[in-house]
Amino acid sequence: MMHKLKVRANHTVYIIFAVLSLFSLTLIFNDNIWFDEAYTLSLIQHNYSDIINILKSDMHPPLYFLSLKTFCCIFGYSITATKIFSAIGYIATLFLGCTIIKKHYGSKTSIIYMLTVGAVPMMLYFSVQQRSYSWSIFFVTLCFIESLLFIANKKFHHCILFAIAGLGAAYNHIYALLAVAIIFAFANIYLLIKDRNLFKRIIIADLIMVAGYSFWIIPLLNQTKSASSNFWLSGVEPLSVIVFISGIAVSALVLMKKSNRKLCIIFADVCVMGIQIIGLFVTVFIRPFYIARYSVVILGIFAILVAFGVKDIKPKPSKVICTLLCVVNIGCLVATGLFEYNPSMTNFRERFSSQQSESDTFVYCDSAFGIMSYYYPNNTHLCTYKENWFEAFENVECINKNEIADKVDPNHKIWFVKNELTKMPKCIKSNFKYKKIDSFQCDFNKFDLYLLILK
């Protein structure tokens, strides 16, 4: 009887993995992008050395972009290909559940872990976004698991994998670097207090991490210095506070049970809450530098926290929790699918095709240029402000806003595109007559299209 239950549980693990993987893959067949994704798509068109040089002036480590470029060199440069690459990172995170977690912590823990990964709001959204989040989640989760196994099993290969995964995370996203720093700090302090012999081994992981990341230390310091003065965020994001409060609530529920107050759960809780506490502290007391989506890098650890917290409860409540998680997963798929396949941009482009030609000029005063320059690459695109990392967009010319009237060709149509939240700039009002022609939505942003005529 026990053997049959074990076989059934094993089958369930792989079924859940396959179904949740398929959920993500169903979301790749659309061409809706937002500014950050347009940046990714434009950046990877450059050669490898140019990508690194451009990223040095931005706030991104290079691993994701270099890996994505290599992937696209093999499978082609398209929105679908880049979404697939992100989906693979999400699937790899799920795969940790039916491999390492299942092997060391059992099928039940594996099932709850995977269901929680899929049930976290926005997780499916990040699984196909053309950014480094899905791969950051994978590397941070693997780093945490290997550090936990190293502490528990004392095997040297876990120490090496711990360091390698940490480097993978650190070279993917700056907040993944922070998450890894928390993991390394906790592991070092714990072993220094509890197991001095094992502490000698973890020094090797520390050295691998420091030596491996030394190539990006100077760019990181320069990026941090630059961001301290001109980072785009202006205050505390309300959603980050909501996420923080939700994290406290889940942690409290898990730790309420005395049997859950053990190393693996406390370790996971420190990682989940630590990155949010540090991010919010810096934002409140030093400089706004943290928003809720940056915390997604620890979503895999959050899923482990939940899995460890509920794996030992009685069978009936456990089944209820798993059923609820399955329902939430389906709900997330439906909600994300409706969002990803929003026809607004497609319908706009169909309407606009009869009015637009390649001789037209597009003018911008905000990040709308990233989206439009991708969809209309052969047009002239003029942006009235500049950042160093705009070099990623080869077909966009940054100009002085006072020179805009001299840069446009009055013999062809002039279009002005802006985010609906952006006020109409004075340089447009003073130089042009303008008429709103259309509007459309891309991702979470809505944009207005105006036809400009020189006064």
Protein backbone atom coordinates (compact mmCIF):
# COMPACT_ATOMS: atom_id res chain seq x y z
CA MET A 1 0.00 0.00 0.00
CA MET A 2 2.76 2.43 0.95
CA HIS A 3 4.60 1.57 -2.26
CA LYS A 4 1.52 2.39 -4.36
CA LEU A 5 1.09 5.73 -2.56
CA LYS A 6 4.75 6.54 -3.19
CA VAL A 7 4.44 5.70 -6.89
CA ARG A 8 1.26 7.79 -7.15
CA ALA A 9 3.00 10.72 -5.45
CA ASN A 10 5.94 10.41 -7.84
CA HIS A 11 3.59 10.47 -10.82
CA THR A 12 1.78 13.49 -9.38
CA VAL A 13 5.07 15.41 -9.08
CA TYR A 14 5.86 14.99 -12.78
CA ILE A 15 2.29 15.68 -13.89
CA ILE A 16 2.26 18.96 -11.96
CA PHE A 17 5.64 19.89 -13.40
CA ALA A 18 4.44 19.21 -16.96
CA VAL A 19 1.14 21.06 -16.54
CA LEU A 20 2.67 24.16 -14.92
CA SER A 21 5.40 24.24 -17.56
CA LEU A 22 2.74 24.11 -20.25
CA PHE A 23 0.90 27.00 -18.55
CA SER A 24 3.91 29.22 -19.15
CA LEU A 25 4.49 28.07 -22.71
CA THR A 26 0.91 28.94 -23.69
CA LEU A 27 1.73 32.62 -23.03
CA ILE A 28 4.58 33.07 -25.51
CA PHE A 29 2.53 33.53 -28.69
CA ASN A 30 1.93 37.27 -28.60
CA ASP A 31 3.93 40.33 -29.57
CA ASN A 32 2.95 42.75 -26.80
CA ILE A 33 5.98 44.39 -25.21
CA TRP A 34 6.73 47.32 -22.90
CA PHE A 35 9.71 49.66 -22.68
CA ASP A 36 12.04 47.40 -20.68
CA GLU A 37 11.37 44.52 -23.07
CA ALA A 38 11.95 46.79 -26.07
CA TYR A 39 15.27 47.70 -24.46
CA THR A 40 16.16 44.00 -24.23
CA LEU A 41 15.18 43.35 -27.84
CA SER A 42 17.21 46.32 -29.07
CA LEU A 43 20.23 45.62 -26.85
CA ILE A 44 20.74 42.05 -28.03
CA GLN A 45 21.04 43.26 -31.62
CA HIS A 46 24.48 44.67 -30.68
CA ASN A 47 27.66 42.58 -30.54
CA TYR A 48 28.79 41.07 -27.24
CA SER A 49 31.34 43.74 -26.32
CA ASP A 50 28.90 46.56 -27.09
CA ILE A 51 26.26 44.89 -24.91
CA ILE A 52 28.67 44.85 -21.97
CA ASN A 53 29.72 48.49 -22.53
CA ILE A 54 26.10 49.68 -22.74
CA LEU A 55 25.17 47.74 -19.60
CA LYS A 56 28.00 49.40 -17.70
CA SER A 57 26.06 52.66 -17.97
CA ASP A 58 22.83 50.98 -16.84
CA MET A 59 21.78 49.07 -13.71
CA HIS A 60 22.00 45.56 -15.16
CA PRO A 61 24.64 42.82 -14.94
CA PRO A 62 25.36 41.16 -18.32
CA LEU A 63 24.68 37.42 -17.97
CA TYR A 64 21.01 37.40 -19.00
CA PHE A 65 21.53 39.62 -22.05
CA LEU A 66 24.63 37.77 -23.26
CA SER A 67 22.89 34.41 -22.78
CA LEU A 68 19.76 35.65 -24.56
CA LYS A 69 21.83 36.91 -27.49
CA THR A 70 23.48 33.51 -27.82
CA PHE A 71 20.08 31.82 -27.67
CA CYS A 72 18.74 34.14 -30.38
CA CYS A 73 21.83 33.58 -32.54
CA ILE A 74 20.79 29.92 -32.61
CA PHE A 75 16.98 30.17 -32.71
CA GLY A 76 16.42 33.58 -34.30
CA TYR A 77 15.71 37.12 -33.12
CA SER A 78 11.99 37.28 -32.37
CA ILE A 79 9.64 38.09 -29.53
CA THR A 80 8.62 34.42 -29.39
CA ALA A 81 12.24 33.25 -29.06
CA THR A 82 12.98 35.72 -26.26
CA LYS A 83 9.81 34.73 -24.42
CA ILE A 84 10.76 31.06 -24.73
CA PHE A 85 14.15 31.82 -23.17
CA SER A 86 12.41 33.40 -20.16
CA ALA A 87 9.96 30.50 -19.96
CA ILE A 88 12.89 28.07 -19.79
CA GLY A 89 14.12 29.93 -16.68
CA TYR A 90 10.67 29.51 -15.09
CA ILE A 91 10.53 25.82 -16.07
CA ALA A 92 14.03 25.33 -14.63
CA THR A 93 12.75 26.76 -11.31
CA LEU A 94 9.88 24.27 -11.36
CA PHE A 95 12.34 21.51 -12.30
CA LEU A 96 14.20 22.07 -9.03
CA GLY A 97 11.01 20.85 -7.38
CA CYS A 98 10.85 17.49 -9.13
CA THR A 99 14.59 16.87 -8.86
CA ILE A 100 16.62 18.30 -5.95
CA ILE A 101 13.71 19.16 -3.65
CA LYS A 102 11.95 15.85 -4.31
CA LYS A 103 15.17 13.88 -3.74
CA HIS A 104 16.11 15.51 -0.45
CA TYR A 105 12.76 16.61 1.02
CA GLY A 106 10.13 14.29 -0.44
CA SER A 107 7.33 14.34 -3.01
CA LYS A 108 4.89 16.28 -0.85
CA THR A 109 7.33 19.14 -0.35
CA SER A 110 8.04 19.07 -4.08
CA ILE A 111 4.36 19.28 -4.99
CA ILE A 112 3.61 22.16 -2.62
CA TYR A 113 6.74 23.99 -3.78
CA MET A 114 5.78 23.80 -7.47
CA LEU A 115 2.15 24.69 -6.86
CA THR A 116 3.23 27.69 -4.78
CA VAL A 117 5.65 28.85 -7.48
CA GLY A 118 2.80 28.85 -9.99
CA ALA A 119 0.26 30.36 -7.58
CA VAL A 120 2.26 33.48 -6.68
CA PRO A 121 0.50 36.42 -8.37
CA MET A 122 2.46 37.72 -11.40
CA MET A 123 4.76 34.68 -11.50
CA LEU A 124 3.43 33.58 -14.88
CA TYR A 125 3.73 37.17 -16.08
CA PHE A 126 7.43 37.22 -15.19
CA SER A 127 7.89 33.76 -16.68
CA VAL A 128 7.49 35.15 -20.21
CA GLN A 129 8.73 38.69 -19.74
CA GLN A 130 11.83 39.46 -21.79
CA ARG A 131 13.83 40.41 -18.74
CA SER A 132 16.19 38.62 -16.36
CA TYR A 133 13.62 37.85 -13.63
CA SER A 134 12.84 34.19 -14.38
CA TRP A 135 16.52 33.24 -14.56
CA SER A 136 17.30 35.32 -11.45
CA ILE A 137 14.62 33.38 -9.57
CA PHE A 138 16.15 30.10 -10.71
CA PHE A 139 19.71 30.93 -9.67
CA VAL A 140 18.70 32.46 -6.32
CA THR A 141 16.54 29.41 -5.53
CA LEU A 142 19.31 26.99 -6.49
CA CYS A 143 21.82 28.98 -4.41
CA PHE A 144 19.53 28.76 -1.37
CA ILE A 145 18.88 25.02 -1.79
CA GLU A 146 22.57 24.19 -2.22
CA SER A 147 23.53 26.27 0.80
CA LEU A 148 20.91 24.45 2.86
CA LEU A 149 22.14 21.05 1.64
CA PHE A 150 25.74 22.03 2.32
CA ILE A 151 24.90 22.93 5.91
CA ALA A 152 22.85 19.74 6.39
CA ASN A 153 24.93 17.16 4.47
CA LYS A 154 28.41 18.72 4.73
CA LYS A 155 29.28 17.53 1.21
CA PHE A 156 31.81 19.61 -0.67
CA HIS A 157 30.03 19.53 -4.05
CA HIS A 158 27.09 21.39 -2.48
CA CYS A 159 29.53 24.10 -1.44
CA ILE A 160 30.79 24.49 -5.02
CA LEU A 161 27.27 24.47 -6.52
CA PHE A 162 26.25 27.01 -3.88
CA ALA A 163 28.97 29.38 -5.11
CA ILE A 164 28.31 28.81 -8.83
CA ALA A 165 24.57 29.41 -8.41
CA GLY A 166 25.37 32.54 -6.41
CA LEU A 167 27.49 33.88 -9.25
CA GLY A 168 24.74 33.07 -11.75
CA ALA A 169 22.27 35.08 -9.68
CA ALA A 170 24.66 37.98 -9.09
CA TYR A 171 25.40 38.35 -12.81
CA ASN A 172 21.67 38.37 -13.65
CA HIS A 173 20.15 41.12 -11.50
CA ILE A 174 21.33 43.55 -8.84
CA TYR A 175 18.61 42.45 -6.41
CA ALA A 176 19.52 38.82 -7.07
CA LEU A 177 23.01 39.85 -5.93
CA LEU A 178 21.45 41.25 -2.74
CA ALA A 179 19.50 38.01 -2.20
CA VAL A 180 22.67 35.96 -2.64
CA ALA A 181 24.54 38.28 -0.25
CA ILE A 182 21.88 37.55 2.39
CA ILE A 183 22.17 33.79 1.77
CA PHE A 184 25.96 33.89 2.03
CA ALA A 185 25.86 36.07 5.16
CA PHE A 186 23.39 33.76 6.93
CA ALA A 187 25.30 30.60 5.98
CA ASN A 188 28.63 32.07 7.10
CA ILE A 189 27.31 33.35 10.43
CA TYR A 190 25.46 30.11 11.16
CA LEU A 191 28.48 27.91 10.45
CA LEU A 192 30.82 30.23 12.35
CA ILE A 193 28.62 29.74 15.42
CA LYS A 194 27.48 26.13 14.99
CA ASP A 195 30.11 24.28 12.96
CA ARG A 196 33.61 25.81 12.79
CA ASN A 197 34.98 22.86 10.78
CA LEU A 198 32.41 23.39 8.05
CA PHE A 199 33.01 27.14 8.17
CA LYS A 200 36.50 26.53 6.75
CA ARG A 201 34.92 24.98 3.67
CA ILE A 202 32.42 27.76 3.08
CA ILE A 203 35.33 30.18 2.88
CA ILE A 204 36.07 28.48 -0.46
CA ALA A 205 32.57 29.38 -1.66
CA ASP A 206 33.14 32.94 -0.44
CA LEU A 207 36.39 33.19 -2.39
CA ILE A 208 34.80 31.78 -5.55
CA MET A 209 32.01 34.34 -5.24
CA VAL A 210 34.33 37.29 -4.64
CA ALA A 211 36.81 36.30 -7.35
CA GLY A 212 34.08 35.48 -9.85
CA TYR A 213 32.23 38.75 -9.32
CA SER A 214 35.37 40.90 -9.25
CA PHE A 215 34.98 41.49 -13.01
CA TRP A 216 31.78 43.45 -12.36
CA ILE A 217 32.64 45.23 -9.12
CA ILE A 218 33.79 48.51 -10.71
CA PRO A 219 30.77 48.75 -13.06
CA LEU A 220 28.50 47.97 -10.09
CA LEU A 221 30.04 50.77 -8.00
CA ASN A 222 29.73 53.21 -10.89
CA GLN A 223 26.13 52.15 -11.50
CA THR A 224 25.27 52.57 -7.81
CA LYS A 225 26.89 56.01 -7.72
CA SER A 226 24.93 57.07 -10.81
CA ALA A 227 21.65 55.64 -9.52
CA SER A 228 22.05 57.44 -6.19
CA SER A 229 21.58 60.74 -8.00
CA ASN A 230 19.27 60.05 -10.92
CA PHE A 231 17.40 56.76 -10.45
CA TRP A 232 13.90 57.10 -11.90
CA LEU A 233 12.00 56.14 -8.73
CA SER A 234 10.76 59.11 -6.70
CA GLY A 235 9.24 57.56 -3.57
CA VAL A 236 7.98 54.45 -1.79
CA GLU A 237 5.87 52.29 -4.08
CA PRO A 238 2.59 51.33 -2.32
CA LEU A 239 2.66 47.83 -3.81
CA SER A 240 6.05 47.14 -2.22
CA VAL A 241 4.53 47.90 1.18
CA ILE A 242 1.59 45.56 0.47
CA VAL A 243 3.99 42.78 -0.56
CA PHE A 244 6.05 43.38 2.59
CA ILE A 245 2.97 43.14 4.84
CA SER A 246 1.86 39.98 3.02
CA GLY A 247 5.31 38.49 3.61
CA ILE A 248 5.05 39.25 7.32
CA ALA A 249 1.62 37.61 7.46
CA VAL A 250 2.76 34.40 5.73
CA SER A 251 5.91 34.22 7.88
CA ALA A 252 3.85 34.65 11.04
CA LEU A 253 1.45 31.87 10.03
CA VAL A 254 4.31 29.48 9.28
CA LEU A 255 6.30 30.28 12.43
CA MET A 256 3.21 30.14 14.64
CA LYS A 257 3.64 26.38 14.68
CA LYS A 258 6.51 25.50 17.05
CA SER A 259 7.67 22.56 14.95
CA ASN A 260 8.31 24.98 12.09
CA ARG A 261 10.88 26.98 14.05
CA LYS A 262 13.82 25.13 12.57
CA LEU A 263 16.83 26.07 10.50
CA CYS A 264 15.46 25.54 6.99
CA ILE A 265 12.34 27.65 7.62
CA ILE A 266 14.10 30.39 9.58
CA PHE A 267 16.77 30.56 6.87
CA ALA A 268 14.12 30.89 4.13
CA ASP A 269 12.23 33.50 6.13
CA VAL A 270 15.37 35.60 6.64
CA CYS A 271 15.96 35.59 2.87
CA VAL A 272 12.35 36.41 1.97
CA MET A 273 11.98 39.24 4.46
CA GLY A 274 15.62 40.40 4.39
CA ILE A 275 15.60 41.59 0.79
CA GLN A 276 12.38 43.52 1.38
CA ILE A 277 13.55 45.08 4.64
CA ILE A 278 16.83 46.21 3.09
CA GLY A 279 15.10 47.49 -0.05
CA LEU A 280 12.50 49.47 1.88
CA PHE A 281 15.07 50.78 4.37
CA VAL A 282 17.26 52.16 1.57
CA THR A 283 14.20 53.62 -0.16
CA VAL A 284 12.86 55.35 2.96
CA PHE A 285 16.09 56.57 4.57
CA ILE A 286 18.62 56.93 1.74
CA ARG A 287 17.23 57.02 -1.80
CA PRO A 288 14.14 55.48 -3.50
CA PHE A 289 15.62 52.38 -5.07
CA TYR A 290 13.18 49.52 -4.52
CA ILE A 291 9.88 48.41 -6.04
CA ALA A 292 7.86 45.24 -5.51
CA ARG A 293 8.88 43.53 -8.73
CA TYR A 294 12.53 43.51 -7.63
CA SER A 295 11.58 41.13 -4.82
CA VAL A 296 10.49 38.46 -7.33
CA VAL A 297 14.04 37.12 -7.24
CA ILE A 298 13.23 35.37 -3.94
CA LEU A 299 9.89 33.86 -5.05
CA GLY A 300 11.45 30.40 -5.28
CA ILE A 301 12.67 30.68 -1.69
CA PHE A 302 9.20 31.90 -0.69
CA ALA A 303 7.73 28.74 -2.28
CA ILE A 304 10.23 26.64 -0.31
CA LEU A 305 9.21 28.47 2.88
CA VAL A 306 5.55 27.63 2.26
CA ALA A 307 6.37 24.02 1.31
CA PHE A 308 8.46 23.43 4.43
CA GLY A 309 5.83 25.15 6.56
CA VAL A 310 2.87 23.01 5.52
CA LYS A 311 4.42 19.67 4.52
CA ASP A 312 3.94 18.11 8.00
CA ILE A 313 0.29 19.04 8.49
CA LYS A 314 -2.41 16.36 8.49
CA PRO A 315 -3.54 14.78 5.17
CA LYS A 316 -6.98 16.43 4.92
CA PRO A 317 -5.82 20.05 5.46
CA SER A 318 -2.90 19.30 3.17
CA LYS A 319 -5.25 18.20 0.38
CA VAL A 320 -7.33 21.33 0.88
CA ILE A 321 -4.23 23.54 0.57
CA CYS A 322 -3.08 21.73 -2.58
CA THR A 323 -6.57 22.01 -4.09
CA LEU A 324 -6.68 25.73 -3.36
CA LEU A 325 -3.22 26.17 -4.88
CA CYS A 326 -4.37 24.33 -8.01
CA VAL A 327 -7.39 26.65 -8.29
CA VAL A 328 -5.15 29.71 -7.85
CA ASN A 329 -2.78 28.40 -10.53
CA ILE A 330 -5.66 28.10 -12.99
CA GLY A 331 -6.87 31.57 -12.02
CA CYS A 332 -3.39 33.00 -12.56
CA LEU A 333 -3.21 31.37 -15.99
CA VAL A 334 -6.55 32.85 -17.05
CA ALA A 335 -5.72 36.32 -15.70
CA THR A 336 -2.21 36.33 -17.20
CA GLY A 337 -3.51 34.99 -20.50
CA LEU A 338 -6.09 37.77 -20.77
CA PHE A 339 -3.37 40.31 -19.99
CA GLU A 340 -0.71 38.89 -22.32
CA TYR A 341 -3.12 38.52 -25.22
CA ASN A 342 -4.63 41.99 -24.84
CA PRO A 343 -5.43 42.92 -28.49
CA SER A 344 -5.08 46.68 -27.96
CA MET A 345 -1.64 47.05 -29.59
CA THR A 346 -2.44 44.68 -32.45
CA ASN A 347 -5.69 46.49 -33.20
CA PHE A 348 -3.95 49.87 -33.05
CA ARG A 349 -1.27 48.79 -35.52
CA GLU A 350 -3.94 47.54 -37.90
CA ARG A 351 -5.79 50.87 -37.69
CA PHE A 352 -2.59 52.89 -37.95
CA SER A 353 -1.23 51.03 -40.98
CA SER A 354 -3.47 52.99 -43.36
CA GLN A 355 -2.24 56.35 -41.99
CA GLN A 356 1.47 55.74 -41.50
CA SER A 357 4.38 55.40 -43.90
CA GLU A 358 8.14 54.84 -43.47
CA SER A 359 8.85 58.48 -44.32
CA ASP A 360 6.98 59.67 -41.21
CA THR A 361 8.73 61.00 -38.12
CA PHE A 362 7.89 59.98 -34.55
CA VAL A 363 8.57 62.39 -31.68
CA TYR A 364 8.71 61.49 -27.97
CA CYS A 365 9.27 63.04 -24.58
CA ASP A 366 9.02 59.83 -22.52
CA SER A 367 9.70 56.10 -22.77
CA ALA A 368 7.12 55.61 -25.53
CA PHE A 369 10.06 55.75 -27.95
CA GLY A 370 11.21 52.28 -26.90
CA ILE A 371 7.98 50.60 -27.94
CA MET A 372 7.34 52.52 -31.17
CA SER A 373 10.94 52.28 -32.38
CA TYR A 374 10.66 48.51 -32.12
CA TYR A 375 7.38 48.22 -34.02
CA TYR A 376 8.36 50.82 -36.62
CA PRO A 377 12.13 50.36 -37.00
CA ASN A 378 12.49 52.06 -40.40
CA ASN A 379 11.00 55.40 -39.38
CA THR A 380 12.79 58.41 -37.94
CA HIS A 381 12.47 58.48 -34.14
CA LEU A 382 13.34 61.65 -32.20
CA CYS A 383 13.48 61.70 -28.40
CA THR A 384 13.77 64.95 -26.43
CA TYR A 385 15.85 63.55 -23.56
CA LYS A 386 18.81 61.20 -23.22
CA GLU A 387 20.39 58.60 -20.96
CA ASN A 388 23.71 56.91 -21.68
CA TRP A 389 22.11 53.49 -22.01
CA PHE A 390 19.82 54.77 -24.80
CA GLU A 391 22.68 53.64 -27.05
CA ALA A 392 20.87 50.30 -27.05
CA PHE A 393 18.32 51.88 -29.40
CA GLU A 394 20.26 52.36 -32.62
CA ASN A 395 17.34 53.83 -34.55
CA VAL A 396 16.50 56.56 -32.00
CA GLU A 397 18.10 60.02 -32.14
CA CYS A 398 18.16 62.05 -28.93
CA ILE A 399 17.78 65.78 -29.53
CA ASN A 400 17.51 69.02 -27.59
CA LYS A 401 13.82 69.78 -27.05
CA ASN A 402 14.39 73.36 -28.21
CA GLU A 403 15.63 72.12 -31.59
CA ILE A 404 12.70 69.87 -32.34
CA ALA A 405 11.11 72.15 -34.93
CA ASP A 406 14.36 72.16 -36.92
CA LYS A 407 14.75 68.38 -36.85
CA VAL A 408 11.37 67.34 -38.28
CA ASP A 409 10.46 67.24 -41.96
CA PRO A 410 7.24 69.24 -42.52
CA ASN A 411 6.72 67.52 -45.89
CA HIS A 412 5.92 64.26 -44.16
CA LYS A 413 3.64 63.32 -41.31
CA ILE A 414 4.88 63.96 -37.79
CA TRP A 415 3.54 61.78 -34.98
CA PHE A 416 3.85 62.42 -31.26
CA VAL A 417 3.40 59.46 -28.91
CA LYS A 418 3.31 59.78 -25.13
CA ASN A 419 2.20 57.92 -22.05
CA GLU A 420 -1.28 59.11 -21.09
CA LEU A 421 0.11 60.11 -17.66
CA THR A 422 2.72 62.43 -19.24
CA LYS A 423 1.73 66.05 -19.56
CA MET A 424 1.89 67.63 -22.99
CA PRO A 425 5.36 69.25 -23.03
CA LYS A 426 5.84 72.96 -23.75
CA CYS A 427 8.16 72.25 -26.68
CA ILE A 428 5.24 70.53 -28.45
CA LYS A 429 2.68 73.17 -27.54
CA SER A 430 4.86 76.06 -28.68
CA ASN A 431 6.00 74.57 -32.01
CA PHE A 432 3.07 72.49 -33.22
CA LYS A 433 -0.64 72.26 -33.61
CA TYR A 434 -1.66 68.83 -32.41
CA LYS A 435 -4.64 66.54 -32.70
CA LYS A 436 -5.22 63.29 -30.84
CA ILE A 437 -5.66 60.48 -33.35
CA ASP A 438 -5.69 57.24 -31.37
CA SER A 439 -4.67 55.48 -28.17
CA PHE A 440 -3.53 52.00 -27.24
CA GLN A 441 -2.31 49.88 -24.32
CA CYS A 442 1.01 48.04 -24.00
CA ASP A 443 1.51 45.95 -20.89
CA PHE A 444 0.44 48.16 -17.94
CA ASN A 445 0.90 51.41 -19.87
CA LYS A 446 -1.55 53.39 -22.00
CA PHE A 447 -0.38 55.69 -24.76
CA ASP A 448 -1.87 58.49 -26.85
CA LEU A 449 -0.99 59.21 -30.48
CA TYR A 450 -1.11 62.77 -31.86
CA LEU A 451 -0.65 64.16 -35.33
CA LEU A 452 1.61 67.24 -35.26
CA ILE A 453 1.61 70.16 -37.70
CA LEU A 454 4.29 72.85 -37.53
CA LYS A 455 2.95 76.28 -36.68
